[in-house]
């Protein structure tokens, strides 16, 4: 049975990365029990906050 599509209001960010760099990053993520998305969200979070403050002006 097909899954129901969730009404998510999210956008996606894509980056270009060398295949061997991606393999290394995936290995590190697996070893540390974390997802790539979690790392990226954590790293860009301060800039998102600053951007929201700029938009509030």
PDB file of N, CA and C in Angstrom:
ATOM      1  N   UNK A   1       0.847  -1.177   0.000  1.00  0.00           N
ATOM      2  CA  UNK A   1       0.000   0.000   0.000  1.00  0.00           C
ATOM      3  C   UNK A   1       0.894   1.243   0.000  1.00  0.00           C
ATOM      4  N   UNK A   2       0.594   2.241  -0.857  1.00  0.00           N
ATOM      5  CA  UNK A   2       1.430   3.446  -0.901  1.00  0.00           C
ATOM      6  C   UNK A   2       1.312   4.243   0.391  1.00  0.00           C
ATOM      7  N   UNK A   3       2.409   4.867   0.735  1.00  0.00           N
ATOM      8  CA  UNK A   3       2.415   5.685   1.938  1.00  0.00           C
ATOM      9  C   UNK A   3       1.737   7.017   1.673  1.00  0.00           C
ATOM     10  N   UNK A   4       1.103   7.540   2.702  1.00  0.00           N
ATOM     11  CA  UNK A   4       0.464   8.844   2.601  1.00  0.00           C
ATOM     12  C   UNK A   4       1.554   9.913   2.605  1.00  0.00           C
ATOM     13  N   UNK A   5       1.454  10.842   1.669  1.00  0.00           N
ATOM     14  CA  UNK A   5       2.439  11.915   1.608  1.00  0.00           C
ATOM     15  C   UNK A   5       2.188  12.887   2.758  1.00  0.00           C
ATOM     16  N   UNK A   6       3.225  13.147   3.520  1.00  0.00           N
ATOM     17  CA  UNK A   6       3.106  14.076   4.630  1.00  0.00           C
ATOM     18  C   UNK A   6       3.185  15.501   4.125  1.00  0.00           C
ATOM     19  N   UNK A   7       2.401  16.358   4.717  1.00  0.00           N
ATOM     20  CA  UNK A   7       2.385  17.763   4.314  1.00  0.00           C
ATOM     21  C   UNK A   7       3.494  18.502   5.038  1.00  0.00           C
ATOM     22  N   UNK A   8       4.690  18.361   4.537  1.00  0.00           N
ATOM     23  CA  UNK A   8       5.840  19.015   5.158  1.00  0.00           C
ATOM     24  C   UNK A   8       6.180  20.266   4.379  1.00  0.00           C
ATOM     25  N   UNK A   9       6.447  21.308   5.112  1.00  0.00           N
ATOM     26  CA  UNK A   9       6.824  22.569   4.474  1.00  0.00           C
ATOM     27  C   UNK A   9       8.313  22.771   4.678  1.00  0.00           C
ATOM     28  N   UNK A  10       9.074  21.930   4.018  1.00  0.00           N
ATOM     29  CA  UNK A  10      10.527  22.001   4.129  1.00  0.00           C
ATOM     30  C   UNK A  10      11.116  22.207   2.747  1.00  0.00           C
ATOM     31  N   UNK A  11      12.266  22.805   2.731  1.00  0.00           N
ATOM     32  CA  UNK A  11      13.000  23.001   1.496  1.00  0.00           C
ATOM     33  C   UNK A  11      14.305  22.232   1.643  1.00  0.00           C
ATOM     34  N   UNK A  12      14.914  21.928   0.537  1.00  0.00           N
ATOM     35  CA  UNK A  12      16.131  21.127   0.556  1.00  0.00           C
ATOM     36  C   UNK A  12      17.314  21.950   0.074  1.00  0.00           C
ATOM     37  N   UNK A  13      18.466  21.700   0.682  1.00  0.00           N
ATOM     38  CA  UNK A  13      19.717  22.320   0.283  1.00  0.00           C
ATOM     39  C   UNK A  13      20.579  21.222  -0.308  1.00  0.00           C
ATOM     40  N   UNK A  14      21.104  21.470  -1.480  1.00  0.00           N
ATOM     41  CA  UNK A  14      21.984  20.487  -2.096  1.00  0.00           C
ATOM     42  C   UNK A  14      23.389  21.065  -2.196  1.00  0.00           C
ATOM     43  N   UNK A  15      24.375  20.213  -2.009  1.00  0.00           N
ATOM     44  CA  UNK A  15      25.767  20.636  -2.140  1.00  0.00           C
ATOM     45  C   UNK A  15      26.489  19.673  -3.068  1.00  0.00           C
ATOM     46  N   UNK A  16      27.537  20.160  -3.647  1.00  0.00           N
ATOM     47  CA  UNK A  16      28.389  19.309  -4.479  1.00  0.00           C
ATOM     48  C   UNK A  16      29.550  18.849  -3.606  1.00  0.00           C
ATOM     49  N   UNK A  17      29.820  17.551  -3.650  1.00  0.00           N
ATOM     50  CA  UNK A  17      30.893  16.983  -2.836  1.00  0.00           C
ATOM     51  C   UNK A  17      31.560  15.863  -3.632  1.00  0.00           C
ATOM     52  N   UNK A  18      32.834  15.753  -3.481  1.00  0.00           N
ATOM     53  CA  UNK A  18      33.576  14.687  -4.158  1.00  0.00           C
ATOM     54  C   UNK A  18      33.115  13.334  -3.610  1.00  0.00           C
ATOM     55  N   UNK A  19      33.017  12.330  -4.465  1.00  0.00           N
ATOM     56  CA  UNK A  19      32.552  11.017  -4.002  1.00  0.00           C
ATOM     57  C   UNK A  19      33.366  10.446  -2.841  1.00  0.00           C
ATOM     58  N   UNK A  20      34.677  10.595  -2.881  1.00  0.00           N
ATOM     59  CA  UNK A  20      35.483  10.048  -1.783  1.00  0.00           C
ATOM     60  C   UNK A  20      35.302  10.846  -0.493  1.00  0.00           C
ATOM     61  N   UNK A  21      35.036  12.146  -0.605  1.00  0.00           N
ATOM     62  CA  UNK A  21      34.743  12.953   0.582  1.00  0.00           C
ATOM     63  C   UNK A  21      33.407  12.534   1.200  1.00  0.00           C
ATOM     64  N   UNK A  22      32.440  12.234   0.354  1.00  0.00           N
ATOM     65  CA  UNK A  22      31.130  11.798   0.844  1.00  0.00           C
ATOM     66  C   UNK A  22      31.258  10.457   1.566  1.00  0.00           C
ATOM     67  N   UNK A  23      32.023   9.563   1.010  1.00  0.00           N
ATOM     68  CA  UNK A  23      32.235   8.258   1.642  1.00  0.00           C
ATOM     69  C   UNK A  23      32.890   8.430   3.017  1.00  0.00           C
ATOM     70  N   UNK A  24      33.879   9.307   3.084  1.00  0.00           N
ATOM     71  CA  UNK A  24      34.568   9.558   4.358  1.00  0.00           C
ATOM     72  C   UNK A  24      33.623  10.194   5.369  1.00  0.00           C
ATOM     73  N   UNK A  25      32.816  11.155   4.916  1.00  0.00           N
ATOM     74  CA  UNK A  25      31.857  11.817   5.801  1.00  0.00           C
ATOM     75  C   UNK A  25      30.813  10.823   6.299  1.00  0.00           C
ATOM     76  N   UNK A  26      30.300   9.974   5.412  1.00  0.00           N
ATOM     77  CA  UNK A  26      29.331   8.953   5.812  1.00  0.00           C
ATOM     78  C   UNK A  26      29.939   7.996   6.846  1.00  0.00           C
ATOM     79  N   UNK A  27      31.188   7.615   6.644  1.00  0.00           N
ATOM     80  CA  UNK A  27      31.857   6.716   7.590  1.00  0.00           C
ATOM     81  C   UNK A  27      31.951   7.366   8.967  1.00  0.00           C
ATOM     82  N   UNK A  28      32.300   8.639   9.000  1.00  0.00           N
ATOM     83  CA  UNK A  28      32.398   9.356  10.276  1.00  0.00           C
ATOM     84  C   UNK A  28      31.031   9.451  10.936  1.00  0.00           C
ATOM     85  N   UNK A  29      30.009   9.761  10.148  1.00  0.00           N
ATOM     86  CA  UNK A  29      28.650   9.872  10.688  1.00  0.00           C
ATOM     87  C   UNK A  29      28.188   8.543  11.280  1.00  0.00           C
ATOM     88  N   UNK A  30      28.437   7.455  10.583  1.00  0.00           N
ATOM     89  CA  UNK A  30      28.050   6.128  11.080  1.00  0.00           C
ATOM     90  C   UNK A  30      28.799   5.809  12.373  1.00  0.00           C
ATOM     91  N   UNK A  31      30.086   6.088  12.396  1.00  0.00           N
ATOM     92  CA  UNK A  31      30.893   5.815  13.582  1.00  0.00           C
ATOM     93  C   UNK A  31      30.432   6.635  14.785  1.00  0.00           C
ATOM     94  N   UNK A  32      29.858   7.814  14.521  1.00  0.00           N
ATOM     95  CA  UNK A  32      29.415   8.702  15.599  1.00  0.00           C
ATOM     96  C   UNK A  32      27.900   8.696  15.789  1.00  0.00           C
ATOM     97  N   UNK A  33      27.224   7.770  15.108  1.00  0.00           N
ATOM     98  CA  UNK A  33      25.781   7.596  15.252  1.00  0.00           C
ATOM     99  C   UNK A  33      25.011   8.908  15.061  1.00  0.00           C
ATOM    100  N   UNK A  34      25.297   9.593  13.973  1.00  0.00           N
ATOM    101  CA  UNK A  34      24.633  10.855  13.653  1.00  0.00           C
ATOM    102  C   UNK A  34      24.405  10.898  12.145  1.00  0.00           C
ATOM    103  N   UNK A  35      23.410  11.637  11.715  1.00  0.00           N
ATOM    104  CA  UNK A  35      23.144  11.717  10.279  1.00  0.00           C
ATOM    105  C   UNK A  35      23.812  12.946   9.688  1.00  0.00           C
ATOM    106  N   UNK A  36      24.028  12.894   8.387  1.00  0.00           N
ATOM    107  CA  UNK A  36      24.593  14.054   7.694  1.00  0.00           C
ATOM    108  C   UNK A  36      23.713  15.272   7.896  1.00  0.00           C
ATOM    109  N   UNK A  37      22.414  15.079   7.811  1.00  0.00           N
ATOM    110  CA  UNK A  37      21.476  16.196   7.959  1.00  0.00           C
ATOM    111  C   UNK A  37      21.599  16.863   9.321  1.00  0.00           C
ATOM    112  N   UNK A  38      21.769  16.046  10.365  1.00  0.00           N
ATOM    113  CA  UNK A  38      21.916  16.607  11.708  1.00  0.00           C
ATOM    114  C   UNK A  38      23.159  17.483  11.801  1.00  0.00           C
ATOM    115  N   UNK A  39      24.245  17.023  11.226  1.00  0.00           N
ATOM    116  CA  UNK A  39      25.493  17.796  11.243  1.00  0.00           C
ATOM    117  C   UNK A  39      25.307  19.117  10.508  1.00  0.00           C
ATOM    118  N   UNK A  40      24.719  19.051   9.330  1.00  0.00           N
ATOM    119  CA  UNK A  40      24.549  20.260   8.513  1.00  0.00           C
ATOM    120  C   UNK A  40      23.622  21.253   9.197  1.00  0.00           C
ATOM    121  N   UNK A  41      22.492  20.757   9.733  1.00  0.00           N
ATOM    122  CA  UNK A  41      21.564  21.662  10.434  1.00  0.00           C
ATOM    123  C   UNK A  41      22.246  22.332  11.616  1.00  0.00           C
ATOM    124  N   UNK A  42      23.039  21.562  12.371  1.00  0.00           N
ATOM    125  CA  UNK A  42      23.745  22.114  13.531  1.00  0.00           C
ATOM    126  C   UNK A  42      24.747  23.191  13.101  1.00  0.00           C
ATOM    127  N   UNK A  43      25.442  22.938  12.011  1.00  0.00           N
ATOM    128  CA  UNK A  43      26.467  23.880  11.553  1.00  0.00           C
ATOM    129  C   UNK A  43      25.874  25.180  10.990  1.00  0.00           C
ATOM    130  N   UNK A  44      24.708  25.100  10.346  1.00  0.00           N
ATOM    131  CA  UNK A  44      24.153  26.324   9.749  1.00  0.00           C
ATOM    132  C   UNK A  44      23.194  27.057  10.688  1.00  0.00           C
ATOM    133  N   UNK A  45      22.845  26.445  11.821  1.00  0.00           N
ATOM    134  CA  UNK A  45      21.875  27.032  12.746  1.00  0.00           C
ATOM    135  C   UNK A  45      22.204  28.481  13.138  1.00  0.00           C
ATOM    136  N   UNK A  46      23.462  28.818  13.487  1.00  0.00           N
ATOM    137  CA  UNK A  46      23.747  30.209  13.869  1.00  0.00           C
ATOM    138  C   UNK A  46      23.471  31.199  12.731  1.00  0.00           C
ATOM    139  N   UNK A  47      23.712  30.778  11.502  1.00  0.00           N
ATOM    140  CA  UNK A  47      23.493  31.660  10.361  1.00  0.00           C
ATOM    141  C   UNK A  47      22.004  31.820  10.062  1.00  0.00           C
ATOM    142  N   UNK A  48      21.238  30.784  10.330  1.00  0.00           N
ATOM    143  CA  UNK A  48      19.786  30.871  10.167  1.00  0.00           C
ATOM    144  C   UNK A  48      19.223  31.885  11.163  1.00  0.00           C
ATOM    145  N   UNK A  49      19.680  31.819  12.405  1.00  0.00           N
ATOM    146  CA  UNK A  49      19.222  32.766  13.433  1.00  0.00           C
ATOM    147  C   UNK A  49      19.574  34.195  13.022  1.00  0.00           C
ATOM    148  N   UNK A  50      20.797  34.410  12.571  1.00  0.00           N
ATOM    149  CA  UNK A  50      21.211  35.750  12.134  1.00  0.00           C
ATOM    150  C   UNK A  50      20.390  36.223  10.948  1.00  0.00           C
ATOM    151  N   UNK A  51      20.097  35.323  10.028  1.00  0.00           N
ATOM    152  CA  UNK A  51      19.296  35.672   8.867  1.00  0.00           C
ATOM    153  C   UNK A  51      17.880  36.042   9.242  1.00  0.00           C
ATOM    154  N   UNK A  52      17.293  35.328  10.196  1.00  0.00           N
ATOM    155  CA  UNK A  52      15.956  35.651  10.666  1.00  0.00           C
ATOM    156  C   UNK A  52      15.906  37.028  11.314  1.00  0.00           C
ATOM    157  N   UNK A  53      16.962  37.363  12.068  1.00  0.00           N
ATOM    158  CA  UNK A  53      17.041  38.696  12.683  1.00  0.00           C
ATOM    159  C   UNK A  53      17.107  39.775  11.615  1.00  0.00           C
ATOM    160  N   UNK A  54      17.869  39.520  10.538  1.00  0.00           N
ATOM    161  CA  UNK A  54      17.951  40.478   9.436  1.00  0.00           C
ATOM    162  C   UNK A  54      16.578  40.664   8.772  1.00  0.00           C
ATOM    163  N   UNK A  55      15.848  39.590   8.612  1.00  0.00           N
ATOM    164  CA  UNK A  55      14.530  39.655   7.973  1.00  0.00           C
ATOM    165  C   UNK A  55      13.490  40.374   8.832  1.00  0.00           C
ATOM    166  N   UNK A  56      13.698  40.370  10.145  1.00  0.00           N
ATOM    167  CA  UNK A  56      12.757  41.039  11.046  1.00  0.00           C
ATOM    168  C   UNK A  56      12.871  42.559  10.981  1.00  0.00           C
ATOM    169  N   UNK A  57      13.980  43.065  10.490  1.00  0.00           N
ATOM    170  CA  UNK A  57      14.195  44.520  10.434  1.00  0.00           C
ATOM    171  C   UNK A  57      13.299  45.168   9.433  1.00  0.00           C
TER     172      UNK A  57
END
